[in-house]
Amino acid sequence: MTGINDYIDSEVKGNDVVLFMKGTPGFPQCGFSGQVVQILDYVGVDYKGINVLTSNELRQGIKDYSNWPTIPQLYVKGEFVGGCDIIREMFQAGELQAFLQEKGVSAKSTA
């Protein structure tokens, strides 16, 4: 299990914004992953999408890593932000953009 944990850890820490999702940003394979992709694209942030469907080990590994039972999972600057509901609520409240700014992640302005 350490192998997959190390891989996840290096992805989370090596990229400013990482989305562990079902499918890819261009072709999400579940509605929740698709919603988060739409939100991230809308706020105009660069992120890396990692398809958990490529391996059962990865799909289980990310749940263990975050201690969060569902996918998608968004990480910003090494910190677990949340899943679809949390991201959607933050976005609708205008908090997601502020959070990204706080973390020094550039997103296009949504003024």
PDB file of N, CA and C in Angstrom:
ATOM      1  N   MET A   1       0.820  -1.206   0.000  1.00  0.00           N
ATOM      2  CA  MET A   1       0.000   0.000   0.000  1.00  0.00           C
ATOM      3  C   MET A   1       0.859   1.262   0.000  1.00  0.00           C
ATOM      4  N   THR A   2       2.083   1.193   0.498  1.00  0.00           N
ATOM      5  CA  THR A   2       2.890   2.413   0.571  1.00  0.00           C
ATOM      6  C   THR A   2       3.180   2.969  -0.820  1.00  0.00           C
ATOM      7  N   GLY A   3       3.309   2.099  -1.800  1.00  0.00           N
ATOM      8  CA  GLY A   3       3.581   2.563  -3.153  1.00  0.00           C
ATOM      9  C   GLY A   3       2.524   3.537  -3.645  1.00  0.00           C
ATOM     10  N   ILE A   4       1.266   3.162  -3.496  1.00  0.00           N
ATOM     11  CA  ILE A   4       0.186   4.017  -3.982  1.00  0.00           C
ATOM     12  C   ILE A   4       0.091   5.277  -3.131  1.00  0.00           C
ATOM     13  N   ASN A   5       0.336   5.144  -1.851  1.00  0.00           N
ATOM     14  CA  ASN A   5       0.299   6.302  -0.957  1.00  0.00           C
ATOM     15  C   ASN A   5       1.391   7.309  -1.322  1.00  0.00           C
ATOM     16  N   ASP A   6       2.574   6.803  -1.631  1.00  0.00           N
ATOM     17  CA  ASP A   6       3.677   7.683  -2.048  1.00  0.00           C
ATOM     18  C   ASP A   6       3.345   8.394  -3.353  1.00  0.00           C
ATOM     19  N   TYR A   7       2.734   7.648  -4.281  1.00  0.00           N
ATOM     20  CA  TYR A   7       2.339   8.238  -5.562  1.00  0.00           C
ATOM     21  C   TYR A   7       1.339   9.373  -5.343  1.00  0.00           C
ATOM     22  N   ILE A   8       0.306   9.108  -4.540  1.00  0.00           N
ATOM     23  CA  ILE A   8      -0.719  10.117  -4.252  1.00  0.00           C
ATOM     24  C   ILE A   8      -0.081  11.322  -3.575  1.00  0.00           C
ATOM     25  N   ASP A   9       0.758  11.046  -2.589  1.00  0.00           N
ATOM     26  CA  ASP A   9       1.426  12.100  -1.840  1.00  0.00           C
ATOM     27  C   ASP A   9       2.255  12.994  -2.761  1.00  0.00           C
ATOM     28  N   SER A  10       2.986  12.386  -3.691  1.00  0.00           N
ATOM     29  CA  SER A  10       3.832  13.179  -4.581  1.00  0.00           C
ATOM     30  C   SER A  10       2.991  13.999  -5.555  1.00  0.00           C
ATOM     31  N   GLU A  11       1.858  13.455  -5.999  1.00  0.00           N
ATOM     32  CA  GLU A  11       0.966  14.210  -6.882  1.00  0.00           C
ATOM     33  C   GLU A  11       0.331  15.388  -6.137  1.00  0.00           C
ATOM     34  N   VAL A  12      -0.125  15.125  -4.914  1.00  0.00           N
ATOM     35  CA  VAL A  12      -0.781  16.157  -4.109  1.00  0.00           C
ATOM     36  C   VAL A  12       0.200  17.281  -3.785  1.00  0.00           C
ATOM     37  N   LYS A  13       1.437  16.908  -3.470  1.00  0.00           N
ATOM     38  CA  LYS A  13       2.418  17.922  -3.063  1.00  0.00           C
ATOM     39  C   LYS A  13       3.157  18.538  -4.247  1.00  0.00           C
ATOM     40  N   GLY A  14       3.137  17.835  -5.383  1.00  0.00           N
ATOM     41  CA  GLY A  14       3.894  18.311  -6.534  1.00  0.00           C
ATOM     42  C   GLY A  14       3.102  19.195  -7.485  1.00  0.00           C
ATOM     43  N   ASN A  15       1.797  19.314  -7.273  1.00  0.00           N
ATOM     44  CA  ASN A  15       0.946  20.135  -8.133  1.00  0.00           C
ATOM     45  C   ASN A  15       0.143  21.091  -7.263  1.00  0.00           C
ATOM     46  N   ASP A  16       0.001  22.330  -7.717  1.00  0.00           N
ATOM     47  CA  ASP A  16      -0.764  23.304  -6.928  1.00  0.00           C
ATOM     48  C   ASP A  16      -2.206  22.868  -6.737  1.00  0.00           C
ATOM     49  N   VAL A  17      -2.819  22.384  -7.820  1.00  0.00           N
ATOM     50  CA  VAL A  17      -4.219  21.981  -7.755  1.00  0.00           C
ATOM     51  C   VAL A  17      -4.359  20.614  -8.419  1.00  0.00           C
ATOM     52  N   VAL A  18      -4.860  19.658  -7.668  1.00  0.00           N
ATOM     53  CA  VAL A  18      -5.043  18.294  -8.182  1.00  0.00           C
ATOM     54  C   VAL A  18      -6.465  17.841  -7.906  1.00  0.00           C
ATOM     55  N   LEU A  19      -7.081  17.278  -8.948  1.00  0.00           N
ATOM     56  CA  LEU A  19      -8.413  16.712  -8.791  1.00  0.00           C
ATOM     57  C   LEU A  19      -8.345  15.215  -9.057  1.00  0.00           C
ATOM     58  N   PHE A  20      -8.592  14.435  -8.014  1.00  0.00           N
ATOM     59  CA  PHE A  20      -8.720  12.986  -8.186  1.00  0.00           C
ATOM     60  C   PHE A  20     -10.167  12.754  -8.568  1.00  0.00           C
ATOM     61  N   MET A  21     -10.385  12.172  -9.755  1.00  0.00           N
ATOM     62  CA  MET A  21     -11.732  12.110 -10.309  1.00  0.00           C
ATOM     63  C   MET A  21     -11.966  10.815 -11.058  1.00  0.00           C
ATOM     64  N   LYS A  22     -13.222  10.570 -11.393  1.00  0.00           N
ATOM     65  CA  LYS A  22     -13.562   9.432 -12.246  1.00  0.00           C
ATOM     66  C   LYS A  22     -13.588   9.941 -13.680  1.00  0.00           C
ATOM     67  N   GLY A  23     -12.653   9.456 -14.475  1.00  0.00           N
ATOM     68  CA  GLY A  23     -12.505   9.938 -15.838  1.00  0.00           C
ATOM     69  C   GLY A  23     -11.403  10.991 -15.902  1.00  0.00           C
ATOM     70  N   THR A  24     -11.448  11.792 -16.952  1.00  0.00           N
ATOM     71  CA  THR A  24     -10.444  12.831 -17.162  1.00  0.00           C
ATOM     72  C   THR A  24     -11.160  14.179 -17.290  1.00  0.00           C
ATOM     73  N   PRO A  25     -10.411  15.294 -17.142  1.00  0.00           N
ATOM     74  CA  PRO A  25     -11.064  16.597 -17.291  1.00  0.00           C
ATOM     75  C   PRO A  25     -11.799  16.732 -18.632  1.00  0.00           C
ATOM     76  N   GLY A  26     -11.264  16.155 -19.693  1.00  0.00           N
ATOM     77  CA  GLY A  26     -11.915  16.220 -20.993  1.00  0.00           C
ATOM     78  C   GLY A  26     -13.085  15.268 -21.138  1.00  0.00           C
ATOM     79  N   PHE A  27     -13.104  14.233 -20.315  1.00  0.00           N
ATOM     80  CA  PHE A  27     -14.142  13.203 -20.419  1.00  0.00           C
ATOM     81  C   PHE A  27     -14.457  12.636 -19.037  1.00  0.00           C
ATOM     82  N   PRO A  28     -15.132  13.439 -18.206  1.00  0.00           N
ATOM     83  CA  PRO A  28     -15.490  12.945 -16.872  1.00  0.00           C
ATOM     84  C   PRO A  28     -16.432  11.756 -16.991  1.00  0.00           C
ATOM     85  N   GLN A  29     -16.275  10.778 -16.101  1.00  0.00           N
ATOM     86  CA  GLN A  29     -17.108   9.588 -16.171  1.00  0.00           C
ATOM     87  C   GLN A  29     -18.074   9.452 -15.008  1.00  0.00           C
ATOM     88  N   CYS A  30     -18.294  10.551 -14.297  1.00  0.00           N
ATOM     89  CA  CYS A  30     -19.399  10.588 -13.346  1.00  0.00           C
ATOM     90  C   CYS A  30     -19.840  12.030 -13.207  1.00  0.00           C
ATOM     91  N   GLY A  31     -21.100  12.208 -12.846  1.00  0.00           N
ATOM     92  CA  GLY A  31     -21.671  13.550 -12.779  1.00  0.00           C
ATOM     93  C   GLY A  31     -20.978  14.458 -11.783  1.00  0.00           C
ATOM     94  N   PHE A  32     -20.571  13.898 -10.649  1.00  0.00           N
ATOM     95  CA  PHE A  32     -19.940  14.710  -9.612  1.00  0.00           C
ATOM     96  C   PHE A  32     -18.572  15.206 -10.075  1.00  0.00           C
ATOM     97  N   SER A  33     -17.804  14.306 -10.695  1.00  0.00           N
ATOM     98  CA  SER A  33     -16.502  14.706 -11.236  1.00  0.00           C
ATOM     99  C   SER A  33     -16.708  15.777 -12.303  1.00  0.00           C
ATOM    100  N   GLY A  34     -17.727  15.585 -13.138  1.00  0.00           N
ATOM    101  CA  GLY A  34     -18.031  16.542 -14.196  1.00  0.00           C
ATOM    102  C   GLY A  34     -18.361  17.922 -13.657  1.00  0.00           C
ATOM    103  N   GLN A  35     -19.105  17.962 -12.558  1.00  0.00           N
ATOM    104  CA  GLN A  35     -19.462  19.251 -11.955  1.00  0.00           C
ATOM    105  C   GLN A  35     -18.229  19.989 -11.457  1.00  0.00           C
ATOM    106  N   VAL A  36     -17.335  19.269 -10.799  1.00  0.00           N
ATOM    107  CA  VAL A  36     -16.125  19.911 -10.267  1.00  0.00           C
ATOM    108  C   VAL A  36     -15.251  20.405 -11.420  1.00  0.00           C
ATOM    109  N   VAL A  37     -15.146  19.612 -12.476  1.00  0.00           N
ATOM    110  CA  VAL A  37     -14.394  20.030 -13.667  1.00  0.00           C
ATOM    111  C   VAL A  37     -14.981  21.330 -14.232  1.00  0.00           C
ATOM    112  N   GLN A  38     -16.304  21.393 -14.344  1.00  0.00           N
ATOM    113  CA  GLN A  38     -16.955  22.603 -14.863  1.00  0.00           C
ATOM    114  C   GLN A  38     -16.649  23.813 -13.991  1.00  0.00           C
ATOM    115  N   ILE A  39     -16.677  23.631 -12.696  1.00  0.00           N
ATOM    116  CA  ILE A  39     -16.400  24.731 -11.763  1.00  0.00           C
ATOM    117  C   ILE A  39     -14.952  25.189 -11.909  1.00  0.00           C
ATOM    118  N   LEU A  40     -14.013  24.235 -11.931  1.00  0.00           N
ATOM    119  CA  LEU A  40     -12.596  24.596 -12.039  1.00  0.00           C
ATOM    120  C   LEU A  40     -12.319  25.285 -13.371  1.00  0.00           C
ATOM    121  N   ASP A  41     -12.949  24.781 -14.445  1.00  0.00           N
ATOM    122  CA  ASP A  41     -12.781  25.408 -15.749  1.00  0.00           C
ATOM    123  C   ASP A  41     -13.373  26.816 -15.741  1.00  0.00           C
ATOM    124  N   TYR A  42     -14.499  26.964 -15.076  1.00  0.00           N
ATOM    125  CA  TYR A  42     -15.159  28.269 -15.022  1.00  0.00           C
ATOM    126  C   TYR A  42     -14.305  29.301 -14.286  1.00  0.00           C
ATOM    127  N   VAL A  43     -13.736  28.901 -13.152  1.00  0.00           N
ATOM    128  CA  VAL A  43     -12.896  29.856 -12.410  1.00  0.00           C
ATOM    129  C   VAL A  43     -11.537  30.024 -13.081  1.00  0.00           C
ATOM    130  N   GLY A  44     -11.248  29.157 -14.054  1.00  0.00           N
ATOM    131  CA  GLY A  44     -10.057  29.330 -14.875  1.00  0.00           C
ATOM    132  C   GLY A  44      -8.760  28.983 -14.166  1.00  0.00           C
ATOM    133  N   VAL A  45      -8.798  27.957 -13.350  1.00  0.00           N
ATOM    134  CA  VAL A  45      -7.595  27.547 -12.628  1.00  0.00           C
ATOM    135  C   VAL A  45      -6.947  26.364 -13.352  1.00  0.00           C
ATOM    136  N   ASP A  46      -5.621  26.366 -13.390  1.00  0.00           N
ATOM    137  CA  ASP A  46      -4.908  25.222 -13.953  1.00  0.00           C
ATOM    138  C   ASP A  46      -4.880  24.122 -12.921  1.00  0.00           C
ATOM    139  N   TYR A  47      -5.207  22.926 -13.340  1.00  0.00           N
ATOM    140  CA  TYR A  47      -5.190  21.816 -12.393  1.00  0.00           C
ATOM    141  C   TYR A  47      -4.829  20.536 -13.125  1.00  0.00           C
ATOM    142  N   LYS A  48      -4.420  19.560 -12.343  1.00  0.00           N
ATOM    143  CA  LYS A  48      -4.127  18.247 -12.898  1.00  0.00           C
ATOM    144  C   LYS A  48      -5.256  17.309 -12.508  1.00  0.00           C
ATOM    145  N   GLY A  49      -5.846  16.654 -13.492  1.00  0.00           N
ATOM    146  CA  GLY A  49      -6.874  15.660 -13.216  1.00  0.00           C
ATOM    147  C   GLY A  49      -6.250  14.280 -13.201  1.00  0.00           C
ATOM    148  N   ILE A  50      -6.539  13.514 -12.179  1.00  0.00           N
ATOM    149  CA  ILE A  50      -6.022  12.141 -12.088  1.00  0.00           C
ATOM    150  C   ILE A  50      -7.203  11.178 -12.076  1.00  0.00           C
ATOM    151  N   ASN A  51      -7.220  10.290 -13.053  1.00  0.00           N
ATOM    152  CA  ASN A  51      -8.321   9.354 -13.229  1.00  0.00           C
ATOM    153  C   ASN A  51      -8.158   8.162 -12.288  1.00  0.00           C
ATOM    154  N   VAL A  52      -9.039   8.078 -11.289  1.00  0.00           N
ATOM    155  CA  VAL A  52      -8.939   6.979 -10.319  1.00  0.00           C
ATOM    156  C   VAL A  52      -9.459   5.666 -10.895  1.00  0.00           C
ATOM    157  N   LEU A  53     -10.116   5.728 -12.048  1.00  0.00           N
ATOM    158  CA  LEU A  53     -10.642   4.499 -12.640  1.00  0.00           C
ATOM    159  C   LEU A  53      -9.553   3.660 -13.293  1.00  0.00           C
ATOM    160  N   THR A  54      -8.345   4.217 -13.387  1.00  0.00           N
ATOM    161  CA  THR A  54      -7.260   3.457 -14.003  1.00  0.00           C
ATOM    162  C   THR A  54      -6.794   2.314 -13.107  1.00  0.00           C
ATOM    163  N   SER A  55      -7.060   2.402 -11.803  1.00  0.00           N
ATOM    164  CA  SER A  55      -6.672   1.302 -10.921  1.00  0.00           C
ATOM    165  C   SER A  55      -7.495   1.283  -9.642  1.00  0.00           C
ATOM    166  N   ASN A  56      -7.881   0.074  -9.232  1.00  0.00           N
ATOM    167  CA  ASN A  56      -8.622  -0.085  -7.978  1.00  0.00           C
ATOM    168  C   ASN A  56      -7.791   0.376  -6.799  1.00  0.00           C
ATOM    169  N   GLU A  57      -6.484   0.127  -6.894  1.00  0.00           N
ATOM    170  CA  GLU A  57      -5.569   0.507  -5.823  1.00  0.00           C
ATOM    171  C   GLU A  57      -5.579   2.018  -5.633  1.00  0.00           C
ATOM    172  N   LEU A  58      -5.567   2.744  -6.752  1.00  0.00           N
ATOM    173  CA  LEU A  58      -5.601   4.201  -6.687  1.00  0.00           C
ATOM    174  C   LEU A  58      -6.949   4.683  -6.155  1.00  0.00           C
ATOM    175  N   ARG A  59      -8.025   4.058  -6.627  1.00  0.00           N
ATOM    176  CA  ARG A  59      -9.358   4.482  -6.202  1.00  0.00           C
ATOM    177  C   ARG A  59      -9.525   4.298  -4.697  1.00  0.00           C
ATOM    178  N   GLN A  60      -9.055   3.176  -4.169  1.00  0.00           N
ATOM    179  CA  GLN A  60      -9.132   2.964  -2.720  1.00  0.00           C
ATOM    180  C   GLN A  60      -8.088   3.798  -1.991  1.00  0.00           C
ATOM    181  N   GLY A  61      -6.924   3.905  -2.609  1.00  0.00           N
ATOM    182  CA  GLY A  61      -5.810   4.630  -1.988  1.00  0.00           C
ATOM    183  C   GLY A  61      -6.138   6.075  -1.676  1.00  0.00           C
ATOM    184  N   ILE A  62      -6.839   6.742  -2.598  1.00  0.00           N
ATOM    185  CA  ILE A  62      -7.149   8.158  -2.374  1.00  0.00           C
ATOM    186  C   ILE A  62      -8.160   8.326  -1.249  1.00  0.00           C
ATOM    187  N   LYS A  63      -9.049   7.357  -1.100  1.00  0.00           N
ATOM    188  CA  LYS A  63     -10.019   7.415   0.009  1.00  0.00           C
ATOM    189  C   LYS A  63      -9.303   7.243   1.350  1.00  0.00           C
ATOM    190  N   ASP A  64      -8.332   6.351   1.372  1.00  0.00           N
ATOM    191  CA  ASP A  64      -7.555   6.141   2.598  1.00  0.00           C
ATOM    192  C   ASP A  64      -6.691   7.360   2.896  1.00  0.00           C
ATOM    193  N   TYR A  65      -6.118   7.915   1.834  1.00  0.00           N
ATOM    194  CA  TYR A  65      -5.191   9.052   1.971  1.00  0.00           C
ATOM    195  C   TYR A  65      -5.888  10.240   2.637  1.00  0.00           C
ATOM    196  N   SER A  66      -7.097  10.525   2.180  1.00  0.00           N
ATOM    197  CA  SER A  66      -7.815  11.700   2.676  1.00  0.00           C
ATOM    198  C   SER A  66      -8.747  11.375   3.832  1.00  0.00           C
ATOM    199  N   ASN A  67      -9.002  10.065   4.020  1.00  0.00           N
ATOM    200  CA  ASN A  67     -10.016   9.640   4.976  1.00  0.00           C
ATOM    201  C   ASN A  67     -11.373  10.227   4.582  1.00  0.00           C
ATOM    202  N   TRP A  68     -11.613  10.268   3.283  1.00  0.00           N
ATOM    203  CA  TRP A  68     -12.855  10.818   2.718  1.00  0.00           C
ATOM    204  C   TRP A  68     -13.425   9.741   1.802  1.00  0.00           C
ATOM    205  N   PRO A  69     -14.716   9.387   1.946  1.00  0.00           N
ATOM    206  CA  PRO A  69     -15.230   8.185   1.284  1.00  0.00           C
ATOM    207  C   PRO A  69     -15.571   8.326  -0.202  1.00  0.00           C
ATOM    208  N   THR A  70     -15.634   9.551  -0.703  1.00  0.00           N
ATOM    209  CA  THR A  70     -16.132   9.710  -2.068  1.00  0.00           C
ATOM    210  C   THR A  70     -15.121  10.379  -2.989  1.00  0.00           C
ATOM    211  N   ILE A  71     -15.380  10.231  -4.265  1.00  0.00           N
ATOM    212  CA  ILE A  71     -14.580  10.839  -5.316  1.00  0.00           C
ATOM    213  C   ILE A  71     -15.569  11.656  -6.137  1.00  0.00           C
ATOM    214  N   PRO A  72     -15.262  12.836  -6.614  1.00  0.00           N
ATOM    215  CA  PRO A  72     -13.933  13.448  -6.709  1.00  0.00           C
ATOM    216  C   PRO A  72     -13.422  14.049  -5.392  1.00  0.00           C
ATOM    217  N   GLN A  73     -12.113  14.288  -5.390  1.00  0.00           N
ATOM    218  CA  GLN A  73     -11.461  14.954  -4.269  1.00  0.00           C
ATOM    219  C   GLN A  73     -10.527  16.022  -4.828  1.00  0.00           C
ATOM    220  N   LEU A  74     -10.659  17.223  -4.294  1.00  0.00           N
ATOM    221  CA  LEU A  74      -9.825  18.335  -4.747  1.00  0.00           C
ATOM    222  C   LEU A  74      -8.780  18.690  -3.696  1.00  0.00           C
ATOM    223  N   TYR A  75      -7.555  18.833  -4.157  1.00  0.00           N
ATOM    224  CA  TYR A  75      -6.450  19.255  -3.294  1.00  0.00           C
ATOM    225  C   TYR A  75      -5.865  20.551  -3.840  1.00  0.00           C
ATOM    226  N   VAL A  76      -5.588  21.485  -2.940  1.00  0.00           N
ATOM    227  CA  VAL A  76      -4.945  22.737  -3.321  1.00  0.00           C
ATOM    228  C   VAL A  76      -3.730  22.928  -2.428  1.00  0.00           C
ATOM    229  N   LYS A  77      -2.579  23.080  -3.049  1.00  0.00           N
ATOM    230  CA  LYS A  77      -1.315  23.272  -2.319  1.00  0.00           C
ATOM    231  C   LYS A  77      -1.130  22.217  -1.224  1.00  0.00           C
ATOM    232  N   GLY A  78      -1.422  20.976  -1.572  1.00  0.00           N
ATOM    233  CA  GLY A  78      -1.198  19.874  -0.634  1.00  0.00           C
ATOM    234  C   GLY A  78      -2.286  19.680   0.402  1.00  0.00           C
ATOM    235  N   GLU A  79      -3.323  20.507   0.337  1.00  0.00           N
ATOM    236  CA  GLU A  79      -4.374  20.447   1.351  1.00  0.00           C
ATOM    237  C   GLU A  79      -5.671  19.913   0.739  1.00  0.00           C
ATOM    238  N   PHE A  80      -6.296  18.970   1.413  1.00  0.00           N
ATOM    239  CA  PHE A  80      -7.568  18.433   0.946  1.00  0.00           C
ATOM    240  C   PHE A  80      -8.652  19.487   1.142  1.00  0.00           C
ATOM    241  N   VAL A  81      -9.332  19.849   0.055  1.00  0.00           N
ATOM    242  CA  VAL A  81     -10.373  20.881   0.130  1.00  0.00           C
ATOM    243  C   VAL A  81     -11.745  20.252   0.299  1.00  0.00           C
ATOM    244  N   GLY A  82     -12.044  19.223  -0.498  1.00  0.00           N
ATOM    245  CA  GLY A  82     -13.331  18.566  -0.344  1.00  0.00           C
ATOM    246  C   GLY A  82     -13.766  17.865  -1.611  1.00  0.00           C
ATOM    247  N   GLY A  83     -14.998  17.384  -1.554  1.00  0.00           N
ATOM    248  CA  GLY A  83     -15.593  16.706  -2.691  1.00  0.00           C
ATOM    249  C   GLY A  83     -16.546  17.631  -3.428  1.00  0.00           C
ATOM    250  N   CYS A  84     -17.387  17.046  -4.241  1.00  0.00           N
ATOM    251  CA  CYS A  84     -18.266  17.815  -5.119  1.00  0.00           C
ATOM    252  C   CYS A  84     -19.152  18.806  -4.355  1.00  0.00           C
ATOM    253  N   ASP A  85     -19.843  18.355  -3.308  1.00  0.00           N
ATOM    254  CA  ASP A  85     -20.785  19.225  -2.592  1.00  0.00           C
ATOM    255  C   ASP A  85     -20.072  20.428  -1.986  1.00  0.00           C
ATOM    256  N   ILE A  86     -18.921  20.168  -1.368  1.00  0.00           N
ATOM    257  CA  ILE A  86     -18.159  21.242  -0.727  1.00  0.00           C
ATOM    258  C   ILE A  86     -17.664  22.239  -1.773  1.00  0.00           C
ATOM    259  N   ILE A  87     -17.114  21.731  -2.865  1.00  0.00           N
ATOM    260  CA  ILE A  87     -16.604  22.604  -3.925  1.00  0.00           C
ATOM    261  C   ILE A  87     -17.743  23.436  -4.510  1.00  0.00           C
ATOM    262  N   ARG A  88     -18.878  22.797  -4.749  1.00  0.00           N
ATOM    263  CA  ARG A  88     -20.026  23.510  -5.321  1.00  0.00           C
ATOM    264  C   ARG A  88     -20.511  24.606  -4.370  1.00  0.00           C
ATOM    265  N   GLU A  89     -20.604  24.282  -3.081  1.00  0.00           N
ATOM    266  CA  GLU A  89     -21.051  25.279  -2.098  1.00  0.00           C
ATOM    267  C   GLU A  89     -20.059  26.434  -2.008  1.00  0.00           C
ATOM    268  N   MET A  90     -18.768  26.116  -1.980  1.00  0.00           N
ATOM    269  CA  MET A  90     -17.740  27.169  -1.926  1.00  0.00           C
ATOM    270  C   MET A  90     -17.824  28.060  -3.160  1.00  0.00           C
ATOM    271  N   PHE A  91     -18.026  27.424  -4.322  1.00  0.00           N
ATOM    272  CA  PHE A  91     -18.100  28.166  -5.575  1.00  0.00           C
ATOM    273  C   PHE A  91     -19.314  29.096  -5.579  1.00  0.00           C
ATOM    274  N   GLN A  92     -20.483  28.562  -5.185  1.00  0.00           N
ATOM    275  CA  GLN A  92     -21.711  29.363  -5.202  1.00  0.00           C
ATOM    276  C   GLN A  92     -21.641  30.519  -4.222  1.00  0.00           C
ATOM    277  N   ALA A  93     -20.907  30.339  -3.142  1.00  0.00           N
ATOM    278  CA  ALA A  93     -20.768  31.398  -2.134  1.00  0.00           C
ATOM    279  C   ALA A  93     -19.636  32.367  -2.496  1.00  0.00           C
ATOM    280  N   GLY A  94     -18.913  32.079  -3.587  1.00  0.00           N
ATOM    281  CA  GLY A  94     -17.790  32.926  -3.972  1.00  0.00           C
ATOM    282  C   GLY A  94     -16.538  32.666  -3.140  1.00  0.00           C
ATOM    283  N   GLU A  95     -16.574  31.589  -2.342  1.00  0.00           N
ATOM    284  CA  GLU A  95     -15.446  31.306  -1.445  1.00  0.00           C
ATOM    285  C   GLU A  95     -14.320  30.568  -2.144  1.00  0.00           C
ATOM    286  N   LEU A  96     -14.647  29.827  -3.196  1.00  0.00           N
ATOM    287  CA  LEU A  96     -13.624  29.032  -3.876  1.00  0.00           C
ATOM    288  C   LEU A  96     -12.564  29.934  -4.502  1.00  0.00           C
ATOM    289  N   GLN A  97     -13.015  30.968  -5.192  1.00  0.00           N
ATOM    290  CA  GLN A  97     -12.096  31.895  -5.822  1.00  0.00           C
ATOM    291  C   GLN A  97     -11.202  32.566  -4.771  1.00  0.00           C
ATOM    292  N   ALA A  98     -11.819  32.985  -3.654  1.00  0.00           N
ATOM    293  CA  ALA A  98     -11.075  33.629  -2.576  1.00  0.00           C
ATOM    294  C   ALA A  98     -10.060  32.664  -1.975  1.00  0.00           C
ATOM    295  N   PHE A  99     -10.479  31.430  -1.791  1.00  0.00           N
ATOM    296  CA  PHE A  99      -9.606  30.402  -1.232  1.00  0.00           C
ATOM    297  C   PHE A  99      -8.386  30.181  -2.132  1.00  0.00           C
ATOM    298  N   LEU A 100      -8.636  30.072  -3.438  1.00  0.00           N
ATOM    299  CA  LEU A 100      -7.536  29.873  -4.390  1.00  0.00           C
ATOM    300  C   LEU A 100      -6.573  31.053  -4.352  1.00  0.00           C
ATOM    301  N   GLN A 101      -7.119  32.259  -4.298  1.00  0.00           N
ATOM    302  CA  GLN A 101      -6.294  33.465  -4.230  1.00  0.00           C
ATOM    303  C   GLN A 101      -5.436  33.458  -2.981  1.00  0.00           C
ATOM    304  N   GLU A 102      -6.067  33.135  -1.861  1.00  0.00           N
ATOM    305  CA  GLU A 102      -5.376  33.053  -0.572  1.00  0.00           C
ATOM    306  C   GLU A 102      -4.181  32.113  -0.647  1.00  0.00           C
ATOM    307  N   LYS A 103      -4.387  31.017  -1.374  1.00  0.00           N
ATOM    308  CA  LYS A 103      -3.350  29.998  -1.482  1.00  0.00           C
ATOM    309  C   LYS A 103      -2.312  30.363  -2.543  1.00  0.00           C
ATOM    310  N   GLY A 104      -2.527  31.486  -3.202  1.00  0.00           N
ATOM    311  CA  GLY A 104      -1.579  31.916  -4.233  1.00  0.00           C
ATOM    312  C   GLY A 104      -1.706  31.162  -5.539  1.00  0.00           C
ATOM    313  N   VAL A 105      -2.902  30.618  -5.789  1.00  0.00           N
ATOM    314  CA  VAL A 105      -3.150  29.911  -7.042  1.00  0.00           C
ATOM    315  C   VAL A 105      -3.893  30.869  -7.958  1.00  0.00           C
ATOM    316  N   SER A 106      -3.352  31.098  -9.144  1.00  0.00           N
ATOM    317  CA  SER A 106      -4.002  32.074 -10.014  1.00  0.00           C
ATOM    318  C   SER A 106      -5.194  31.460 -10.709  1.00  0.00           C
ATOM    319  N   ALA A 107      -6.294  32.179 -10.640  1.00  0.00           N
ATOM    320  CA  ALA A 107      -7.510  31.833 -11.375  1.00  0.00           C
ATOM    321  C   ALA A 107      -7.915  33.103 -12.105  1.00  0.00           C
ATOM    322  N   LYS A 108      -8.617  32.948 -13.202  1.00  0.00           N
ATOM    323  CA  LYS A 108      -9.036  34.166 -13.900  1.00  0.00           C
ATOM    324  C   LYS A 108     -10.063  34.899 -13.045  1.00  0.00           C
ATOM    325  N   SER A 109     -10.073  36.181 -13.123  1.00  0.00           N
ATOM    326  CA  SER A 109     -10.982  36.952 -12.267  1.00  0.00           C
ATOM    327  C   SER A 109     -12.417  36.675 -12.729  1.00  0.00           C
ATOM    328  N   THR A 110     -13.316  36.651 -11.770  1.00  0.00           N
ATOM    329  CA  THR A 110     -14.713  36.384 -12.112  1.00  0.00           C
ATOM    330  C   THR A 110     -15.545  37.600 -11.709  1.00  0.00           C
ATOM    331  N   ALA A 111     -15.002  38.772 -11.965  1.00  0.00           N
ATOM    332  CA  ALA A 111     -15.694  40.015 -11.604  1.00  0.00           C
ATOM    333  C   ALA A 111     -16.850  40.275 -12.551  1.00  0.00           C
TER     334      ALA A 111
END
